[in-house]
Amino acid sequence: MEKSNIGLIGLGVMGSNLSRNIASKKFHISVYNRTTEVTDEFIKEHGNEYIHPAKTLEEFVDQLEVPRKIIILVKAGKAVDAVIEKLMPLLEKGDVVIDCGNSNFNNTLRRFDALKEKGLQFIGCGVSGGEEGALHGPSLMPGGTLEAWNTIKNIFESIAARDFSGGPCVTYIGDNAAGHYVKMVHNGIEYGVMQIMAEGYDILKNVYKLDPPKLSEIFKKYNDGKLKSYLFEISIEVLARKDEFEDGYLIDYILDRAAQKGTGKWTAIDALKQGEAIPTITEAVFARFISSHKDLRTNLSKKYQKEKIKTDMDLDTFVSTLEDALYAAMLSSYAQGYHLIREAAKENKWDIDIAEVSRIWEGGCIIRADILNVLHKAFEKANKDTHLFEIPELAKDLQRTIPLLRKTVTLGVQNGIPVSGLSTALSYFDAITSKQVPANFIQGLRDYFGAHTYKRTDKEGAFHTDWNI
């Protein structure tokens, strides 16, 4: 038998679809699953001349050309470590292990170092696009050594989604855990954008009393303009879908309790460790936490009736206002995520190209949107330390749209609608663009109760005041 170009362990939905994607590009791939019946069923349904099943890990490893390239797609956490532990005795110096799961970047750092000690290469590769992306073309974010990347480059470029110019939505992100870090922040931005969208939906539904078909129509209008993106595209169908069990629309029967898999929380935690502000992403995580307390929310809603204030803005005017507000808030969410990536790159000595990150997010991934092409082109021309708000083209847009975001937040607050995503997007913009913030007041208080000292605007050094005199 001809040796396989690459192998994959874990034939769940993502693993199965990624294997089929690789085989469709005429690469020979060996597949292995801990449960043999799963492998047999996969081959029965999707087997072809390019897919080679293995019943044992030894057989699987033996089928691969050297240096061996092995994708692991199992549940993040202990399962990844278990697979690596079983693989280690079977591999040789120079072989490449690729974790394509949603692993915490700290685990990727640990695994990278552990395999390096054994003479093995480890790649932590973020994969975005869900099961459809895995099959038809995901956005791929590999991190590891450049040498390891070069061994898989031709395969990964072939299976990736395409950007707006037809290029592959994959690039070498940086050393060790850089790929999984960028994927983590991608998911954090995704949390922020979805929360912003949900709050816009909430205002339209509860202030303007719109039904799902009308809401779907408005979101379609947004998707036809500058908000064009995968998330707005699928929201049209989510809002328009009729329920299969009851009269009416499915959206009205979905329980308002949002789940999560942890990547948004990881982003917020690392931002705190880095000492960086990503309030919209963090508030999106908090909003999901609050949503989980359905019984408490229901009980408290009976005690605190919210008086609705009639808005002076007619529907057509607000629909236009909200479009610009969502645009400004989304830019703020991206700005926060990009700034975190840049600061983490400095801390970890990763040479991450933000323009390239924007480019590979143009296709395949969940947050793919027209705005990413604008960011891609803008960051190509900008200094690598440029904040998103410093880009001239975007600054012009923000100067026009921020006042409309302010109006939208005001409308939500006046009507008792929680707008934590929209309001933190606005607050972040207001704070990061303010020459003077009230931190001087905080430093005065800290020095009073704890003698923490403060710095002055007119003299060098640290100062302490004896406030009791």
Protein backbone atom coordinates (compact mmCIF):
# COMPACT_ATOMS: atom_id res chain seq x y z
CA MET A 1 0.00 0.00 0.00
CA GLU A 2 1.15 3.53 -0.77
CA LYS A 3 2.09 5.39 2.40
CA SER A 4 -0.42 8.01 3.55
CA ASN A 5 0.55 11.69 3.38
CA ILE A 6 -1.08 12.42 6.72
CA GLY A 7 -3.05 10.70 9.49
CA LEU A 8 -5.99 11.72 11.66
CA ILE A 9 -7.07 10.39 15.05
CA GLY A 10 -10.65 11.01 16.19
CA LEU A 11 -13.58 10.43 13.85
CA GLY A 12 -16.21 12.61 15.49
CA VAL A 13 -18.06 15.06 13.28
CA MET A 14 -15.10 17.44 12.92
CA GLY A 15 -12.56 14.67 12.41
CA SER A 16 -14.73 12.85 9.88
CA ASN A 17 -15.36 16.00 7.86
CA LEU A 18 -11.74 17.15 7.94
CA SER A 19 -10.63 13.67 6.76
CA ARG A 20 -13.08 13.83 3.86
CA ASN A 21 -11.84 17.33 3.00
CA ILE A 22 -8.21 16.15 2.90
CA ALA A 23 -9.10 13.09 0.81
CA SER A 24 -11.11 15.24 -1.63
CA LYS A 25 -7.89 17.14 -2.41
CA LYS A 26 -6.31 13.78 -3.39
CA PHE A 27 -4.06 13.43 -0.35
CA HIS A 28 -3.85 9.93 1.09
CA ILE A 29 -4.99 9.96 4.71
CA SER A 30 -4.99 7.23 7.34
CA VAL A 31 -7.71 7.40 9.97
CA TYR A 32 -7.98 5.87 13.43
CA ASN A 33 -10.61 6.00 16.16
CA ARG A 34 -10.38 4.41 19.58
CA THR A 35 -13.72 2.68 18.92
CA THR A 36 -13.21 0.48 15.84
CA GLU A 37 -16.93 0.44 15.05
CA VAL A 38 -16.79 4.20 14.46
CA THR A 39 -13.97 3.73 11.95
CA ASP A 40 -15.86 0.93 10.19
CA GLU A 41 -19.01 3.05 9.92
CA PHE A 42 -17.02 6.01 8.60
CA ILE A 43 -15.37 3.88 5.89
CA LYS A 44 -18.70 2.29 4.98
CA GLU A 45 -20.25 5.71 4.46
CA HIS A 46 -17.36 7.78 3.12
CA GLY A 47 -14.51 5.42 2.23
CA ASN A 48 -12.59 5.88 -1.03
CA GLU A 49 -9.16 5.18 -2.50
CA TYR A 50 -7.59 8.08 -0.55
CA ILE A 51 -8.85 7.10 2.92
CA HIS A 52 -7.08 4.24 4.71
CA PRO A 53 -8.50 2.86 7.98
CA ALA A 54 -6.38 1.43 10.79
CA LYS A 55 -7.60 -0.78 13.61
CA THR A 56 -4.64 -0.16 15.94
CA LEU A 57 -2.37 2.79 16.62
CA GLU A 58 0.61 0.70 15.56
CA GLU A 59 -0.99 -0.04 12.20
CA PHE A 60 -1.99 3.61 11.88
CA VAL A 61 1.54 4.93 12.49
CA ASP A 62 3.05 2.33 10.16
CA GLN A 63 0.83 3.54 7.29
CA LEU A 64 2.30 7.07 7.35
CA GLU A 65 5.15 8.47 5.29
CA VAL A 66 8.14 9.92 7.16
CA PRO A 67 8.20 12.47 8.73
CA ARG A 68 4.82 11.39 10.01
CA LYS A 69 2.14 14.06 10.24
CA ILE A 70 -0.69 13.22 12.64
CA ILE A 71 -3.78 15.33 13.31
CA ILE A 72 -5.49 14.82 16.67
CA LEU A 73 -9.17 15.81 16.80
CA VAL A 74 -10.51 14.58 20.12
CA LYS A 75 -12.13 16.37 23.05
CA ALA A 76 -9.85 19.09 24.40
CA GLY A 77 -8.11 18.40 27.69
CA LYS A 78 -7.14 15.02 29.12
CA ALA A 79 -8.16 13.13 25.97
CA VAL A 80 -5.48 14.96 23.94
CA ASP A 81 -2.83 14.10 26.53
CA ALA A 82 -3.96 10.47 26.53
CA VAL A 83 -3.62 10.18 22.75
CA ILE A 84 -0.18 11.84 22.78
CA GLU A 85 0.99 9.51 25.55
CA LYS A 86 0.01 6.45 23.50
CA LEU A 87 1.58 7.85 20.34
CA MET A 88 4.95 8.85 21.83
CA PRO A 89 6.57 5.36 21.88
CA LEU A 90 5.56 4.82 18.24
CA LEU A 91 6.98 8.03 16.78
CA GLU A 92 10.46 8.98 15.59
CA LYS A 93 12.51 12.17 15.70
CA GLY A 94 11.06 14.82 13.37
CA ASP A 95 7.50 13.47 13.33
CA VAL A 96 4.79 16.14 13.65
CA VAL A 97 1.76 15.96 15.96
CA ILE A 98 -1.00 18.49 15.16
CA ASP A 99 -3.71 19.28 17.72
CA CYS A 100 -6.65 20.69 15.75
CA GLY A 101 -9.00 20.79 18.74
CA ASN A 102 -10.09 23.79 20.81
CA SER A 103 -7.26 23.39 23.30
CA ASN A 104 -6.32 25.97 25.90
CA PHE A 105 -3.13 27.64 24.69
CA ASN A 106 -1.45 26.97 28.07
CA ASN A 107 -1.84 23.24 27.44
CA THR A 108 -0.40 23.75 23.97
CA LEU A 109 2.66 25.46 25.46
CA ARG A 110 3.16 22.50 27.81
CA ARG A 111 2.72 19.90 25.06
CA PHE A 112 5.00 21.79 22.68
CA ASP A 113 7.83 21.74 25.23
CA ALA A 114 7.23 18.09 26.23
CA LEU A 115 7.37 16.82 22.64
CA LYS A 116 10.35 19.02 21.83
CA GLU A 117 12.30 17.21 24.56
CA LYS A 118 11.59 13.94 22.71
CA GLY A 119 12.70 15.35 19.36
CA LEU A 120 9.12 15.61 18.09
CA GLN A 121 7.36 18.59 16.54
CA PHE A 122 4.04 19.86 17.91
CA ILE A 123 1.59 22.18 16.18
CA GLY A 124 -1.40 23.70 17.95
CA CYS A 125 -3.79 24.62 15.16
CA GLY A 126 -6.97 26.60 15.66
CA VAL A 127 -9.78 25.49 13.36
CA SER A 128 -12.85 27.67 12.79
CA GLY A 129 -15.91 27.04 10.68
CA GLY A 130 -17.69 24.23 12.47
CA GLU A 131 -18.53 20.95 10.80
CA GLU A 132 -19.35 22.59 7.45
CA GLY A 133 -16.06 24.44 7.48
CA ALA A 134 -14.13 21.26 8.27
CA LEU A 135 -15.69 19.60 5.23
CA HIS A 136 -15.67 22.43 2.69
CA GLY A 137 -12.85 24.68 3.91
CA PRO A 138 -12.09 26.05 7.40
CA SER A 139 -9.99 28.95 8.56
CA LEU A 140 -6.82 27.41 9.99
CA MET A 141 -4.50 29.01 12.57
CA PRO A 142 -1.36 26.87 13.04
CA GLY A 143 1.28 27.65 15.63
CA GLY A 144 4.58 25.82 16.18
CA THR A 145 7.99 25.89 14.57
CA LEU A 146 8.32 27.16 11.02
CA GLU A 147 9.97 23.84 10.16
CA ALA A 148 6.90 21.93 11.33
CA TRP A 149 4.57 24.29 9.45
CA ASN A 150 6.47 23.69 6.22
CA THR A 151 5.85 19.92 6.47
CA ILE A 152 2.06 20.41 6.45
CA LYS A 153 1.81 23.64 4.45
CA ASN A 154 0.78 22.13 1.10
CA ILE A 155 -1.98 20.02 2.67
CA PHE A 156 -3.36 22.77 4.89
CA GLU A 157 -3.32 25.37 2.12
CA SER A 158 -5.26 22.93 -0.09
CA ILE A 159 -8.03 22.22 2.43
CA ALA A 160 -8.49 25.77 3.78
CA ALA A 161 -11.30 28.16 2.84
CA ARG A 162 -10.52 30.97 0.40
CA ASP A 163 -10.10 34.65 1.22
CA PHE A 164 -11.60 37.50 -0.84
CA SER A 165 -8.73 37.25 -3.36
CA GLY A 166 -8.87 33.45 -3.63
CA GLY A 167 -5.91 32.77 -1.33
CA PRO A 168 -5.98 30.04 1.33
CA CYS A 169 -7.38 31.04 4.74
CA VAL A 170 -4.36 29.68 6.57
CA THR A 171 -1.04 31.23 7.52
CA TYR A 172 1.79 30.48 9.89
CA ILE A 173 0.72 32.34 13.04
CA GLY A 174 3.85 32.02 15.15
CA ASP A 175 5.86 29.88 17.54
CA ASN A 176 4.54 27.24 19.98
CA ALA A 177 0.99 28.18 21.15
CA ALA A 178 0.44 31.28 18.95
CA GLY A 179 -2.12 29.50 16.77
CA HIS A 180 -4.32 28.33 19.61
CA TYR A 181 -4.04 31.76 21.24
CA VAL A 182 -5.28 33.53 18.11
CA LYS A 183 -8.12 30.98 17.78
CA MET A 184 -9.06 31.65 21.43
CA VAL A 185 -9.28 35.40 20.80
CA HIS A 186 -11.21 34.73 17.57
CA ASN A 187 -13.80 32.97 19.72
CA GLY A 188 -13.77 35.84 22.21
CA ILE A 189 -14.52 38.31 19.42
CA GLU A 190 -17.25 35.91 18.27
CA TYR A 191 -18.80 36.06 21.77
CA GLY A 192 -18.74 39.86 21.66
CA VAL A 193 -20.26 40.16 18.19
CA MET A 194 -23.06 37.69 18.95
CA GLN A 195 -23.92 39.53 22.18
CA ILE A 196 -24.02 42.85 20.33
CA MET A 197 -26.32 41.35 17.68
CA ALA A 198 -28.56 39.80 20.34
CA GLU A 199 -29.00 43.16 22.07
CA GLY A 200 -29.98 44.79 18.78
CA TYR A 201 -32.53 42.01 18.29
CA ASP A 202 -33.79 42.55 21.86
CA ILE A 203 -34.42 46.28 21.34
CA LEU A 204 -36.18 45.73 18.02
CA LYS A 205 -38.35 42.98 19.49
CA ASN A 206 -39.29 44.60 22.80
CA VAL A 207 -39.28 48.33 22.12
CA TYR A 208 -40.70 48.20 18.60
CA LYS A 209 -42.73 44.99 19.14
CA LEU A 210 -41.59 43.34 15.93
CA ASP A 211 -42.38 39.73 15.03
CA PRO A 212 -39.71 37.25 13.80
CA PRO A 213 -40.44 37.68 10.04
CA LYS A 214 -39.98 41.46 10.31
CA LEU A 215 -36.84 40.98 12.38
CA SER A 216 -35.50 38.57 9.75
CA GLU A 217 -36.23 41.14 7.06
CA ILE A 218 -34.26 43.81 8.95
CA PHE A 219 -31.29 41.50 9.52
CA LYS A 220 -31.33 40.66 5.80
CA LYS A 221 -31.10 44.39 5.07
CA TYR A 222 -28.13 44.60 7.40
CA ASN A 223 -26.48 41.63 5.71
CA ASP A 224 -26.90 43.32 2.33
CA GLY A 225 -24.85 46.29 3.57
CA LYS A 226 -21.70 46.94 5.59
CA LEU A 227 -22.63 44.33 8.23
CA LYS A 228 -22.44 41.51 5.66
CA SER A 229 -21.10 38.48 7.48
CA TYR A 230 -21.70 34.82 8.21
CA LEU A 231 -23.37 35.56 11.55
CA PHE A 232 -25.83 38.04 10.03
CA GLU A 233 -26.43 35.64 7.15
CA ILE A 234 -27.47 32.76 9.42
CA SER A 235 -29.47 35.08 11.70
CA ILE A 236 -31.86 35.65 8.79
CA GLU A 237 -32.77 31.96 8.79
CA VAL A 238 -32.77 31.62 12.58
CA LEU A 239 -35.34 34.42 12.84
CA ALA A 240 -37.48 33.25 9.92
CA ARG A 241 -37.68 29.53 10.75
CA LYS A 242 -41.19 28.33 11.64
CA ASP A 243 -41.51 25.94 14.55
CA GLU A 244 -42.08 22.29 13.67
CA PHE A 245 -44.10 21.48 16.81
CA GLU A 246 -46.18 24.58 17.53
CA ASP A 247 -47.71 27.50 15.66
CA GLY A 248 -45.38 30.41 15.29
CA TYR A 249 -41.60 30.77 14.95
CA LEU A 250 -38.85 28.66 16.44
CA ILE A 251 -36.95 31.63 17.91
CA ASP A 252 -39.84 32.25 20.32
CA TYR A 253 -39.60 28.68 21.66
CA ILE A 254 -35.83 28.56 22.18
CA LEU A 255 -34.98 28.83 25.89
CA ASP A 256 -33.05 32.03 26.68
CA ARG A 257 -30.13 30.24 28.29
CA ALA A 258 -26.88 30.48 26.29
CA ALA A 259 -24.30 27.71 26.58
CA GLN A 260 -20.54 27.96 26.08
CA LYS A 261 -17.48 25.76 25.71
CA GLY A 262 -15.05 27.98 27.59
CA THR A 263 -12.99 29.79 24.94
CA GLY A 264 -14.64 33.15 25.64
CA LYS A 265 -13.94 32.71 29.34
CA TRP A 266 -10.31 31.78 28.61
CA THR A 267 -9.96 34.99 26.59
CA ALA A 268 -11.32 37.07 29.47
CA ILE A 269 -9.09 35.31 32.01
CA ASP A 270 -5.95 35.81 29.94
CA ALA A 271 -6.81 39.48 29.39
CA LEU A 272 -6.95 39.91 33.16
CA LYS A 273 -3.58 38.17 33.51
CA GLN A 274 -2.12 40.38 30.77
CA GLY A 275 -3.63 43.51 32.36
CA GLU A 276 -5.51 44.35 29.16
CA ALA A 277 -9.09 45.60 28.75
CA ILE A 278 -11.52 43.61 26.62
CA PRO A 279 -14.79 44.68 28.29
CA THR A 280 -17.17 43.75 25.45
CA ILE A 281 -15.80 40.22 25.18
CA THR A 282 -15.82 39.81 28.97
CA GLU A 283 -19.36 41.18 29.31
CA ALA A 284 -20.50 38.75 26.60
CA VAL A 285 -19.22 35.93 28.81
CA PHE A 286 -20.96 37.44 31.85
CA ALA A 287 -24.20 37.77 29.86
CA ARG A 288 -24.12 34.03 29.21
CA PHE A 289 -23.54 33.40 32.91
CA ILE A 290 -26.55 35.56 33.79
CA SER A 291 -28.67 33.81 31.16
CA SER A 292 -28.08 30.49 32.93
CA HIS A 293 -30.03 31.72 36.00
CA LYS A 294 -33.43 31.39 34.35
CA ASP A 295 -35.42 30.65 37.52
CA LEU A 296 -33.85 33.54 39.44
CA ARG A 297 -34.40 35.92 36.55
CA THR A 298 -38.02 34.85 36.24
CA ASN A 299 -38.69 35.36 39.96
CA LEU A 300 -36.99 38.75 40.09
CA SER A 301 -38.82 39.94 36.98
CA LYS A 302 -42.09 39.65 38.95
CA LYS A 303 -40.77 41.97 41.66
CA TYR A 304 -39.25 44.62 39.44
CA GLN A 305 -41.59 45.82 36.74
CA LYS A 306 -39.83 47.97 34.15
CA GLU A 307 -41.67 50.97 32.84
CA LYS A 308 -41.37 51.18 29.07
CA ILE A 309 -40.53 54.61 27.71
CA LYS A 310 -41.96 55.35 24.32
CA THR A 311 -39.20 56.23 21.91
CA ASP A 312 -39.34 59.35 19.78
CA MET A 313 -37.51 57.50 17.00
CA ASP A 314 -39.69 55.93 14.33
CA LEU A 315 -38.85 52.39 13.22
CA ASP A 316 -37.19 53.28 9.92
CA THR A 317 -34.93 55.80 11.61
CA PHE A 318 -34.00 53.35 14.34
CA VAL A 319 -33.29 50.52 11.89
CA SER A 320 -30.77 52.80 10.18
CA THR A 321 -29.39 53.99 13.53
CA LEU A 322 -28.99 50.44 14.81
CA GLU A 323 -27.10 49.38 11.67
CA ASP A 324 -24.45 52.01 12.34
CA ALA A 325 -24.48 51.29 16.08
CA LEU A 326 -23.84 47.58 15.47
CA TYR A 327 -21.04 48.45 13.05
CA ALA A 328 -19.33 50.72 15.59
CA ALA A 329 -19.76 48.16 18.38
CA MET A 330 -18.37 45.37 16.21
CA LEU A 331 -15.31 47.48 15.38
CA SER A 332 -14.82 48.07 19.11
CA SER A 333 -15.01 44.32 19.79
CA TYR A 334 -12.44 43.63 17.06
CA ALA A 335 -10.23 46.44 18.40
CA GLN A 336 -10.22 44.86 21.85
CA GLY A 337 -9.39 41.39 20.54
CA TYR A 338 -6.66 42.62 18.18
CA HIS A 339 -5.05 44.68 20.94
CA LEU A 340 -5.00 41.63 23.22
CA ILE A 341 -3.36 39.50 20.51
CA ARG A 342 -0.71 42.15 19.95
CA GLU A 343 0.12 42.49 23.66
CA ALA A 344 0.19 38.71 24.17
CA ALA A 345 2.51 38.42 21.18
CA LYS A 346 4.95 40.83 22.84
CA GLU A 347 4.75 38.89 26.11
CA ASN A 348 5.30 35.50 24.46
CA LYS A 349 7.70 36.67 21.73
CA TRP A 350 5.33 35.67 18.93
CA ASP A 351 5.74 37.50 15.62
CA ILE A 352 2.04 37.70 14.74
CA ASP A 353 0.96 39.54 11.61
CA ILE A 354 -2.44 41.15 12.33
CA ALA A 355 -3.02 41.81 8.62
CA GLU A 356 -2.59 38.08 7.93
CA VAL A 357 -4.86 37.16 10.84
CA SER A 358 -7.52 39.43 9.34
CA ARG A 359 -7.01 37.84 5.92
CA ILE A 360 -7.42 34.24 7.04
CA TRP A 361 -10.61 35.22 8.90
CA GLU A 362 -12.14 36.44 5.62
CA GLY A 363 -13.37 32.93 4.79
CA GLY A 364 -14.29 29.72 6.56
CA CYS A 365 -14.44 31.02 10.12
CA ILE A 366 -17.52 31.94 12.18
CA ILE A 367 -16.71 35.66 12.32
CA ARG A 368 -16.00 35.98 8.59
CA ALA A 369 -17.30 39.33 7.40
CA ASP A 370 -16.71 42.01 4.79
CA ILE A 371 -15.18 44.24 7.46
CA LEU A 372 -12.24 41.80 7.73
CA ASN A 373 -11.16 42.65 4.20
CA VAL A 374 -11.07 46.31 5.24
CA LEU A 375 -9.01 45.40 8.32
CA HIS A 376 -6.71 43.17 6.29
CA LYS A 377 -5.87 45.93 3.80
CA ALA A 378 -5.62 48.61 6.48
CA PHE A 379 -3.19 46.64 8.67
CA GLU A 380 -1.04 45.79 5.64
CA LYS A 381 -0.26 49.51 5.39
CA ALA A 382 -0.14 50.23 9.12
CA ASN A 383 2.66 49.97 11.64
CA LYS A 384 2.49 46.64 13.49
CA ASP A 385 1.74 48.47 16.76
CA THR A 386 -1.17 50.46 15.30
CA HIS A 387 -4.40 50.29 17.28
CA LEU A 388 -7.49 49.64 15.17
CA PHE A 389 -8.93 53.03 16.14
CA GLU A 390 -5.83 54.74 14.70
CA ILE A 391 -6.52 53.53 11.15
CA PRO A 392 -7.66 56.61 9.18
CA GLU A 393 -10.40 54.87 7.15
CA LEU A 394 -11.94 53.37 10.27
CA ALA A 395 -11.52 56.56 12.34
CA LYS A 396 -13.70 58.35 9.78
CA ASP A 397 -16.38 55.64 10.09
CA LEU A 398 -16.23 55.69 13.88
CA GLN A 399 -16.59 59.46 14.11
CA ARG A 400 -19.87 59.10 12.22
CA THR A 401 -21.23 55.92 13.87
CA ILE A 402 -20.25 56.32 17.55
CA PRO A 403 -22.96 58.99 18.15
CA LEU A 404 -25.51 56.50 16.80
CA LEU A 405 -24.17 53.78 19.10
CA ARG A 406 -24.61 56.30 21.95
CA LYS A 407 -28.27 56.83 20.95
CA THR A 408 -28.87 53.07 20.77
CA VAL A 409 -27.37 52.44 24.21
CA THR A 410 -29.49 55.27 25.64
CA LEU A 411 -32.64 53.80 24.14
CA GLY A 412 -31.87 50.38 25.58
CA VAL A 413 -31.09 51.74 29.05
CA GLN A 414 -34.22 53.90 29.12
CA ASN A 415 -36.35 50.86 28.37
CA GLY A 416 -34.71 48.55 30.90
CA ILE A 417 -33.13 46.35 28.24
CA PRO A 418 -29.70 44.95 29.19
CA VAL A 419 -27.18 46.28 26.69
CA SER A 420 -23.89 45.27 28.30
CA GLY A 421 -22.27 44.44 24.96
CA LEU A 422 -23.26 47.66 23.23
CA SER A 423 -22.53 49.84 26.26
CA THR A 424 -19.08 48.34 26.95
CA ALA A 425 -18.20 48.71 23.27
CA LEU A 426 -19.04 52.38 23.64
CA SER A 427 -17.31 52.74 27.02
CA TYR A 428 -14.13 51.14 25.67
CA PHE A 429 -14.12 53.63 22.80
CA ASP A 430 -14.76 56.55 25.17
CA ALA A 431 -12.02 55.46 27.58
CA ILE A 432 -9.31 54.55 25.08
CA THR A 433 -9.85 57.83 23.19
CA SER A 434 -9.80 60.02 26.35
CA LYS A 435 -6.66 62.00 27.15
CA GLN A 436 -7.76 62.29 30.79
CA VAL A 437 -9.53 59.54 32.75
CA PRO A 438 -10.41 59.67 36.48
CA ALA A 439 -7.60 57.31 37.54
CA ASN A 440 -6.03 60.25 39.38
CA PHE A 441 -9.01 60.20 41.75
CA ILE A 442 -8.51 56.45 42.34
CA GLN A 443 -4.79 56.97 43.02
CA GLY A 444 -5.62 59.68 45.54
CA LEU A 445 -7.95 57.30 47.40
CA ARG A 446 -5.40 54.47 47.29
CA ASP A 447 -2.72 56.69 48.71
CA TYR A 448 -5.07 57.89 51.48
CA PHE A 449 -6.10 54.45 52.78
CA GLY A 450 -3.03 52.40 51.87
CA ALA A 451 -0.09 54.75 51.31
CA HIS A 452 0.24 53.24 47.82
CA THR A 453 1.83 56.47 46.49
CA TYR A 454 1.10 58.19 43.22
CA LYS A 455 2.93 59.89 40.38
CA ARG A 456 2.57 63.59 39.57
CA THR A 457 2.00 65.27 36.22
CA ASP A 458 4.71 67.86 36.86
CA LYS A 459 7.51 66.00 38.67
CA GLU A 460 9.36 62.66 38.37
CA GLY A 461 9.20 59.93 41.02
CA ALA A 462 6.68 58.46 43.46
CA PHE A 463 4.88 60.66 46.02
CA HIS A 464 2.93 60.07 49.19
CA THR A 465 0.79 62.60 51.04
CA ASP A 466 0.18 62.56 54.80
CA TRP A 467 -3.59 63.04 54.50
CA ASN A 468 -4.13 63.42 58.27
CA ILE A 469 -2.30 66.71 58.51
